[in-house]
């Protein structure tokens, strides 16, 4: 299915570009989140007309992402979780929990979908977590998972 993009999307394309993607991805993600339009002749002409305006909005988002990057990049956050004697967690640390932690400590609103842990966090220790703030701006934070109390 051909769509025309309304914003820059990492590993997919840039504003105004006509790309061919799978139907489900187009309908359920790109079009549903106002990131693209069906690639009809009218829509392509419309996007060409408002391309400069869309670029300005994208630059504003990029500037906002850079300011958030300055505030949280290389910061360390700590979370206490219940664990066993062999340092494994009961459950895991999920992106929603990480976003709430950042919001509580730094008053910065990070969506869980922006958080990309390298692997699922199921043990105690220090972990590097990548946060995608914009298609061109990625921040890294460190999450220190400590034990709240051990259960025998």
N, C-alpha and C. Protein backbone atom coordinates (compact mmCIF):
# COMPACT_ATOMS: atom_id res chain seq x y z
N UNK A 1 0.84 -1.17 0.00
CA UNK A 1 0.00 0.00 0.00
C UNK A 1 0.89 1.24 0.00
N UNK A 2 0.58 2.17 -0.86
CA UNK A 2 1.38 3.39 -0.95
C UNK A 2 0.78 4.48 -0.06
N UNK A 3 1.67 5.12 0.73
CA UNK A 3 1.27 6.23 1.58
C UNK A 3 2.26 7.37 1.41
N UNK A 4 1.82 8.58 1.75
CA UNK A 4 2.70 9.74 1.73
C UNK A 4 2.90 10.18 3.18
N UNK A 5 4.16 10.33 3.59
CA UNK A 5 4.49 10.62 4.99
C UNK A 5 4.27 12.08 5.36
N UNK A 6 3.76 12.30 6.57
CA UNK A 6 3.52 13.66 7.09
C UNK A 6 4.59 14.08 8.09
N UNK A 7 5.50 13.14 8.47
CA UNK A 7 6.60 13.49 9.36
C UNK A 7 7.76 12.54 9.11
N UNK A 8 8.94 12.93 9.60
CA UNK A 8 10.11 12.07 9.47
C UNK A 8 9.97 10.91 10.43
N UNK A 9 10.15 9.70 9.91
CA UNK A 9 10.05 8.50 10.74
C UNK A 9 11.32 7.69 10.54
N UNK A 10 11.95 7.37 11.66
CA UNK A 10 13.22 6.64 11.63
C UNK A 10 13.07 5.32 10.87
N UNK A 11 14.02 5.03 9.99
CA UNK A 11 14.11 3.82 9.18
C UNK A 11 12.94 3.62 8.22
N UNK A 12 12.13 4.67 8.01
CA UNK A 12 11.00 4.53 7.09
C UNK A 12 11.08 5.57 5.98
N UNK A 13 11.19 6.86 6.36
CA UNK A 13 11.27 7.89 5.34
C UNK A 13 11.12 9.28 5.91
N UNK A 14 11.10 10.26 5.02
CA UNK A 14 11.01 11.66 5.46
C UNK A 14 9.73 12.29 4.94
N UNK A 15 9.47 13.52 5.37
CA UNK A 15 8.24 14.24 5.05
C UNK A 15 8.04 14.33 3.53
N UNK A 16 6.81 14.02 3.09
CA UNK A 16 6.46 14.16 1.69
C UNK A 16 6.85 12.98 0.82
N UNK A 17 7.56 12.03 1.38
CA UNK A 17 8.02 10.88 0.61
C UNK A 17 6.88 9.88 0.44
N UNK A 18 6.74 9.34 -0.76
CA UNK A 18 5.73 8.31 -1.03
C UNK A 18 6.42 6.97 -0.87
N UNK A 19 5.92 6.16 0.08
CA UNK A 19 6.55 4.87 0.35
C UNK A 19 5.53 3.75 0.23
N UNK A 20 6.03 2.54 0.06
CA UNK A 20 5.18 1.36 -0.04
C UNK A 20 5.36 0.54 1.22
N UNK A 21 4.29 0.39 2.01
CA UNK A 21 4.34 -0.37 3.26
C UNK A 21 3.20 -1.39 3.29
N UNK A 22 3.27 -2.29 4.25
CA UNK A 22 2.20 -3.29 4.38
C UNK A 22 0.92 -2.61 4.83
N UNK A 23 -0.21 -3.17 4.41
CA UNK A 23 -1.53 -2.59 4.70
C UNK A 23 -1.77 -2.36 6.19
N UNK A 24 -1.49 -3.37 6.99
CA UNK A 24 -1.74 -3.28 8.44
C UNK A 24 -0.93 -2.16 9.08
N UNK A 25 0.34 -2.05 8.70
CA UNK A 25 1.22 -1.01 9.25
C UNK A 25 0.68 0.36 8.84
N UNK A 26 0.25 0.49 7.59
CA UNK A 26 -0.28 1.77 7.11
C UNK A 26 -1.55 2.15 7.86
N UNK A 27 -2.52 1.22 7.91
CA UNK A 27 -3.81 1.52 8.54
C UNK A 27 -3.70 1.68 10.05
N UNK A 28 -3.05 0.72 10.70
CA UNK A 28 -3.07 0.67 12.17
C UNK A 28 -2.07 1.60 12.85
N UNK A 29 -1.00 1.97 12.15
CA UNK A 29 -0.01 2.84 12.80
C UNK A 29 0.13 4.18 12.10
N UNK A 30 0.55 4.18 10.85
CA UNK A 30 0.85 5.44 10.17
C UNK A 30 -0.37 6.34 10.03
N UNK A 31 -1.45 5.83 9.49
CA UNK A 31 -2.64 6.66 9.26
C UNK A 31 -3.38 6.93 10.56
N UNK A 32 -3.47 5.91 11.43
CA UNK A 32 -4.17 6.07 12.72
C UNK A 32 -3.51 7.12 13.60
N UNK A 33 -2.18 7.27 13.52
CA UNK A 33 -1.45 8.24 14.34
C UNK A 33 -1.12 9.53 13.59
N UNK A 34 -1.81 9.77 12.46
CA UNK A 34 -1.61 10.97 11.64
C UNK A 34 -0.15 11.17 11.24
N UNK A 35 0.52 10.08 10.91
CA UNK A 35 1.90 10.16 10.44
C UNK A 35 1.97 10.04 8.92
N UNK A 36 0.85 9.63 8.30
CA UNK A 36 0.82 9.47 6.85
C UNK A 36 -0.62 9.55 6.33
N UNK A 37 -0.73 9.72 5.01
CA UNK A 37 -2.02 9.72 4.31
C UNK A 37 -1.94 8.72 3.16
N UNK A 38 -3.11 8.23 2.71
CA UNK A 38 -3.11 7.38 1.53
C UNK A 38 -2.52 8.18 0.37
N UNK A 39 -1.76 7.51 -0.50
CA UNK A 39 -1.05 8.20 -1.57
C UNK A 39 -1.93 8.41 -2.81
N UNK A 40 -3.00 9.19 -2.65
CA UNK A 40 -3.82 9.55 -3.81
C UNK A 40 -3.20 10.81 -4.42
N UNK A 41 -3.58 11.12 -5.65
CA UNK A 41 -3.03 12.31 -6.33
C UNK A 41 -3.32 13.58 -5.53
N UNK A 42 -4.55 13.66 -4.97
CA UNK A 42 -4.93 14.85 -4.20
C UNK A 42 -4.06 14.98 -2.93
N UNK A 43 -3.89 13.85 -2.22
CA UNK A 43 -3.11 13.89 -0.98
C UNK A 43 -1.65 14.24 -1.24
N UNK A 44 -1.07 13.73 -2.33
CA UNK A 44 0.33 14.04 -2.65
C UNK A 44 0.47 15.53 -2.94
N UNK A 45 -0.48 16.11 -3.71
CA UNK A 45 -0.44 17.55 -4.00
C UNK A 45 -0.58 18.36 -2.71
N UNK A 46 -1.50 17.94 -1.84
CA UNK A 46 -1.74 18.63 -0.56
C UNK A 46 -0.48 18.63 0.31
N UNK A 47 0.19 17.47 0.39
CA UNK A 47 1.41 17.36 1.20
C UNK A 47 2.52 18.23 0.61
N UNK A 48 2.62 18.29 -0.71
CA UNK A 48 3.63 19.14 -1.34
C UNK A 48 3.41 20.61 -0.96
N UNK A 49 2.12 21.03 -0.89
CA UNK A 49 1.80 22.41 -0.52
C UNK A 49 2.19 22.72 0.92
N UNK A 50 1.93 21.77 1.84
CA UNK A 50 2.17 22.05 3.26
C UNK A 50 3.49 21.46 3.77
N UNK A 51 4.35 21.06 2.83
CA UNK A 51 5.63 20.42 3.22
C UNK A 51 6.49 21.34 4.09
N UNK A 52 6.56 22.62 3.77
CA UNK A 52 7.39 23.54 4.57
C UNK A 52 6.84 23.69 5.98
N UNK A 53 5.51 23.74 6.07
CA UNK A 53 4.88 23.85 7.40
C UNK A 53 5.16 22.59 8.23
N UNK A 54 5.07 21.42 7.57
CA UNK A 54 5.36 20.17 8.27
C UNK A 54 6.83 20.10 8.71
N UNK A 55 7.72 20.63 7.87
CA UNK A 55 9.15 20.65 8.21
C UNK A 55 9.40 21.54 9.43
N UNK A 56 8.69 22.68 9.50
CA UNK A 56 8.83 23.57 10.66
C UNK A 56 8.38 22.86 11.93
N UNK A 57 7.22 22.16 11.86
CA UNK A 57 6.74 21.42 13.03
C UNK A 57 7.73 20.35 13.44
N UNK A 58 8.32 19.67 12.44
CA UNK A 58 9.30 18.63 12.75
C UNK A 58 10.53 19.23 13.41
N UNK A 59 10.96 20.40 12.95
CA UNK A 59 12.12 21.06 13.57
C UNK A 59 11.81 21.49 15.00
N UNK A 60 10.58 21.94 15.25
CA UNK A 60 10.18 22.29 16.61
C UNK A 60 10.22 21.07 17.52
N UNK A 61 9.72 19.93 17.01
CA UNK A 61 9.77 18.69 17.78
C UNK A 61 11.21 18.29 18.05
N UNK A 62 12.08 18.51 17.07
CA UNK A 62 13.50 18.15 17.21
C UNK A 62 14.16 19.03 18.28
N UNK A 63 13.84 20.32 18.30
CA UNK A 63 14.40 21.24 19.30
C UNK A 63 13.91 20.84 20.69
N UNK A 64 12.63 20.50 20.81
CA UNK A 64 12.08 20.05 22.09
C UNK A 64 12.76 18.75 22.54
N UNK A 65 12.99 17.85 21.60
CA UNK A 65 13.65 16.58 21.92
C UNK A 65 15.09 16.83 22.39
N UNK A 66 15.76 17.81 21.77
CA UNK A 66 17.14 18.13 22.18
C UNK A 66 17.17 18.70 23.59
N UNK A 67 16.16 19.50 23.96
CA UNK A 67 16.14 20.06 25.32
C UNK A 67 15.91 18.95 26.34
N UNK A 68 15.04 17.97 26.01
CA UNK A 68 14.85 16.82 26.90
C UNK A 68 16.13 16.00 26.97
N UNK A 69 16.80 15.85 25.82
CA UNK A 69 18.07 15.12 25.75
C UNK A 69 19.09 15.72 26.72
N UNK A 70 19.18 17.06 26.74
CA UNK A 70 20.12 17.75 27.63
C UNK A 70 19.82 17.44 29.11
N UNK A 71 18.52 17.29 29.43
CA UNK A 71 18.13 17.08 30.82
C UNK A 71 18.35 15.65 31.30
N UNK A 72 18.13 14.65 30.43
CA UNK A 72 18.17 13.27 30.92
C UNK A 72 19.32 12.42 30.41
N UNK A 73 20.05 12.85 29.39
CA UNK A 73 21.09 12.00 28.83
C UNK A 73 22.16 11.68 29.87
N UNK A 74 22.54 10.41 29.95
CA UNK A 74 23.58 9.88 30.86
C UNK A 74 23.20 9.98 32.33
N UNK A 75 21.93 10.27 32.63
CA UNK A 75 21.49 10.31 34.03
C UNK A 75 21.28 8.90 34.54
N UNK A 76 21.39 8.76 35.86
CA UNK A 76 21.18 7.46 36.47
C UNK A 76 19.93 7.49 37.34
N UNK A 77 19.07 6.50 37.15
CA UNK A 77 17.86 6.37 37.94
C UNK A 77 17.92 5.04 38.69
N UNK A 78 17.34 5.01 39.89
CA UNK A 78 17.33 3.78 40.67
C UNK A 78 15.91 3.33 40.93
N UNK A 79 15.72 2.02 40.92
CA UNK A 79 14.42 1.44 41.21
C UNK A 79 14.65 0.24 42.14
N UNK A 80 13.77 0.11 43.14
CA UNK A 80 13.88 -1.02 44.07
C UNK A 80 12.79 -2.03 43.73
N UNK A 81 13.21 -3.30 43.60
CA UNK A 81 12.28 -4.39 43.26
C UNK A 81 12.54 -5.58 44.18
N UNK A 82 11.51 -6.39 44.41
CA UNK A 82 11.67 -7.62 45.16
C UNK A 82 12.51 -8.60 44.35
N UNK A 83 13.44 -9.31 45.03
CA UNK A 83 14.30 -10.23 44.31
C UNK A 83 14.57 -11.49 45.13
N UNK A 84 15.06 -12.51 44.45
CA UNK A 84 15.43 -13.77 45.11
C UNK A 84 16.88 -13.66 45.58
N UNK A 85 17.37 -14.76 46.23
CA UNK A 85 18.77 -14.73 46.69
C UNK A 85 19.75 -14.70 45.53
N UNK A 86 19.40 -15.30 44.39
CA UNK A 86 20.33 -15.31 43.26
C UNK A 86 20.11 -14.11 42.32
N UNK A 87 19.66 -13.01 42.88
CA UNK A 87 19.57 -11.70 42.23
C UNK A 87 18.66 -11.65 41.02
N UNK A 88 17.63 -12.51 40.98
CA UNK A 88 16.63 -12.44 39.92
C UNK A 88 15.40 -11.73 40.47
N UNK A 89 14.73 -10.98 39.62
CA UNK A 89 13.54 -10.24 40.04
C UNK A 89 12.29 -11.10 39.95
N UNK A 90 11.34 -10.78 40.80
CA UNK A 90 10.00 -11.34 40.65
C UNK A 90 9.30 -10.45 39.63
N UNK A 91 9.20 -10.91 38.41
CA UNK A 91 8.68 -10.08 37.33
C UNK A 91 9.83 -9.39 36.61
N UNK A 92 9.55 -8.24 36.02
CA UNK A 92 10.60 -7.50 35.32
C UNK A 92 10.29 -6.01 35.39
N UNK A 93 11.28 -5.20 35.00
CA UNK A 93 11.09 -3.75 34.95
C UNK A 93 10.63 -3.41 33.53
N UNK A 94 9.42 -2.88 33.42
CA UNK A 94 8.81 -2.62 32.12
C UNK A 94 8.95 -1.14 31.73
N UNK A 95 8.84 -0.82 30.43
CA UNK A 95 8.94 0.57 29.98
C UNK A 95 7.95 1.52 30.66
N UNK A 96 6.74 1.06 30.99
CA UNK A 96 5.78 1.94 31.67
C UNK A 96 6.31 2.35 33.04
N UNK A 97 6.94 1.41 33.73
CA UNK A 97 7.50 1.71 35.04
C UNK A 97 8.68 2.68 34.93
N UNK A 98 9.49 2.51 33.89
CA UNK A 98 10.64 3.40 33.68
C UNK A 98 10.14 4.82 33.35
N UNK A 99 9.10 4.93 32.52
CA UNK A 99 8.58 6.26 32.16
C UNK A 99 8.00 6.96 33.38
N UNK A 100 7.30 6.22 34.27
CA UNK A 100 6.77 6.81 35.50
C UNK A 100 7.90 7.27 36.41
N UNK A 101 8.97 6.48 36.48
CA UNK A 101 10.13 6.83 37.31
C UNK A 101 10.77 8.13 36.82
N UNK A 102 10.96 8.25 35.51
CA UNK A 102 11.56 9.47 34.93
C UNK A 102 10.64 10.66 35.19
N UNK A 103 9.34 10.47 35.03
CA UNK A 103 8.36 11.54 35.25
C UNK A 103 8.38 12.00 36.71
N UNK A 104 8.43 11.05 37.65
CA UNK A 104 8.44 11.40 39.07
C UNK A 104 9.71 12.13 39.49
N UNK A 105 10.86 11.69 38.97
CA UNK A 105 12.13 12.27 39.40
C UNK A 105 12.52 13.53 38.62
N UNK A 106 12.29 13.54 37.31
CA UNK A 106 12.74 14.66 36.48
C UNK A 106 11.63 15.56 35.97
N UNK A 107 10.36 15.18 36.22
CA UNK A 107 9.19 15.92 35.72
C UNK A 107 9.22 16.06 34.20
N UNK A 108 9.72 15.01 33.53
CA UNK A 108 9.75 14.98 32.07
C UNK A 108 8.85 13.85 31.61
N UNK A 109 7.93 14.16 30.69
CA UNK A 109 6.98 13.17 30.22
C UNK A 109 7.57 12.36 29.07
N UNK A 110 7.90 11.11 29.34
CA UNK A 110 8.44 10.19 28.34
C UNK A 110 7.41 9.09 28.15
N UNK A 111 7.01 8.86 26.91
CA UNK A 111 6.04 7.79 26.64
C UNK A 111 6.76 6.44 26.70
N UNK A 112 6.07 5.41 27.22
CA UNK A 112 6.68 4.07 27.26
C UNK A 112 7.14 3.56 25.89
N UNK A 113 6.46 3.99 24.82
CA UNK A 113 6.84 3.55 23.47
C UNK A 113 8.19 4.12 23.04
N UNK A 114 8.65 5.21 23.68
CA UNK A 114 9.95 5.80 23.36
C UNK A 114 11.11 5.01 23.97
N UNK A 115 10.81 4.23 25.00
CA UNK A 115 11.84 3.52 25.74
C UNK A 115 12.15 2.20 25.06
N UNK A 116 13.43 1.99 24.78
CA UNK A 116 13.86 0.78 24.09
C UNK A 116 14.94 0.08 24.90
N UNK A 117 14.53 -0.75 25.88
CA UNK A 117 15.57 -1.47 26.62
C UNK A 117 16.28 -2.46 25.71
N UNK A 118 17.58 -2.61 25.92
CA UNK A 118 18.36 -3.51 25.09
C UNK A 118 17.85 -4.94 25.26
N UNK A 119 17.57 -5.33 26.50
CA UNK A 119 16.97 -6.63 26.77
C UNK A 119 16.02 -6.46 27.94
N UNK A 120 15.15 -7.46 28.16
CA UNK A 120 14.20 -7.37 29.26
C UNK A 120 14.96 -7.39 30.59
N UNK A 121 14.61 -6.49 31.49
CA UNK A 121 15.32 -6.37 32.76
C UNK A 121 14.66 -7.29 33.78
N UNK A 122 15.35 -8.41 34.09
CA UNK A 122 14.80 -9.40 35.01
C UNK A 122 15.74 -9.70 36.17
N UNK A 123 16.81 -8.90 36.32
CA UNK A 123 17.74 -9.16 37.42
C UNK A 123 18.23 -7.84 38.00
N UNK A 124 18.93 -7.94 39.12
CA UNK A 124 19.50 -6.76 39.75
C UNK A 124 20.72 -6.31 38.96
N UNK A 125 21.07 -5.04 39.06
CA UNK A 125 22.26 -4.52 38.39
C UNK A 125 22.01 -3.19 37.73
N UNK A 126 22.99 -2.79 36.91
CA UNK A 126 22.92 -1.50 36.21
C UNK A 126 22.70 -1.76 34.73
N UNK A 127 21.70 -1.09 34.14
CA UNK A 127 21.35 -1.33 32.76
C UNK A 127 21.34 -0.02 31.98
N UNK A 128 21.80 -0.09 30.72
CA UNK A 128 21.78 1.06 29.82
C UNK A 128 20.50 0.98 29.01
N UNK A 129 19.74 2.09 28.99
CA UNK A 129 18.46 2.11 28.29
C UNK A 129 18.45 3.26 27.29
N UNK A 130 18.04 2.95 26.06
CA UNK A 130 17.99 3.94 24.99
C UNK A 130 16.58 4.52 24.92
N UNK A 131 16.49 5.84 24.81
CA UNK A 131 15.19 6.51 24.69
C UNK A 131 15.18 7.29 23.38
N UNK A 132 14.24 6.95 22.52
CA UNK A 132 14.12 7.60 21.22
C UNK A 132 13.20 8.81 21.36
N UNK A 133 13.80 10.01 21.43
CA UNK A 133 13.03 11.24 21.64
C UNK A 133 12.49 11.82 20.33
N UNK A 134 13.20 11.54 19.23
CA UNK A 134 12.86 12.07 17.90
C UNK A 134 13.53 11.14 16.90
N UNK A 135 13.15 11.22 15.64
CA UNK A 135 13.75 10.33 14.65
C UNK A 135 15.26 10.55 14.53
N UNK A 136 15.76 11.71 14.98
CA UNK A 136 17.19 12.00 14.90
C UNK A 136 17.85 12.20 16.26
N UNK A 137 17.09 12.10 17.36
CA UNK A 137 17.64 12.35 18.70
C UNK A 137 17.35 11.17 19.62
N UNK A 138 18.43 10.52 20.08
CA UNK A 138 18.31 9.41 21.02
C UNK A 138 19.11 9.72 22.28
N UNK A 139 18.50 9.48 23.43
CA UNK A 139 19.20 9.69 24.71
C UNK A 139 19.46 8.33 25.34
N UNK A 140 20.44 8.29 26.24
CA UNK A 140 20.74 7.08 26.99
C UNK A 140 20.67 7.39 28.47
N UNK A 141 19.99 6.51 29.21
CA UNK A 141 19.98 6.65 30.66
C UNK A 141 20.46 5.33 31.25
N UNK A 142 20.80 5.38 32.53
CA UNK A 142 21.22 4.18 33.22
C UNK A 142 20.20 3.88 34.31
N UNK A 143 19.78 2.64 34.39
CA UNK A 143 18.81 2.21 35.40
C UNK A 143 19.51 1.26 36.36
N UNK A 144 19.55 1.64 37.62
CA UNK A 144 20.17 0.82 38.64
C UNK A 144 19.06 0.09 39.38
N UNK A 145 18.97 -1.23 39.18
CA UNK A 145 17.93 -2.03 39.83
C UNK A 145 18.50 -2.60 41.12
N UNK A 146 17.91 -2.18 42.24
CA UNK A 146 18.38 -2.60 43.56
C UNK A 146 17.32 -3.48 44.21
N UNK A 147 17.73 -4.23 45.24
CA UNK A 147 16.80 -5.10 45.93
C UNK A 147 16.03 -4.33 46.99
N UNK A 148 14.72 -4.57 47.04
CA UNK A 148 13.89 -3.97 48.08
C UNK A 148 13.99 -4.82 49.34
N UNK A 149 13.84 -6.13 49.17
CA UNK A 149 14.05 -7.08 50.26
C UNK A 149 14.03 -8.45 49.64
N UNK A 150 14.76 -9.39 50.22
CA UNK A 150 14.79 -10.73 49.64
C UNK A 150 13.74 -11.60 50.32
N UNK A 151 13.18 -12.50 49.56
CA UNK A 151 12.17 -13.42 50.08
C UNK A 151 12.77 -14.82 50.08
N UNK A 152 12.73 -15.49 51.23
CA UNK A 152 13.28 -16.84 51.31
C UNK A 152 12.26 -17.87 50.89
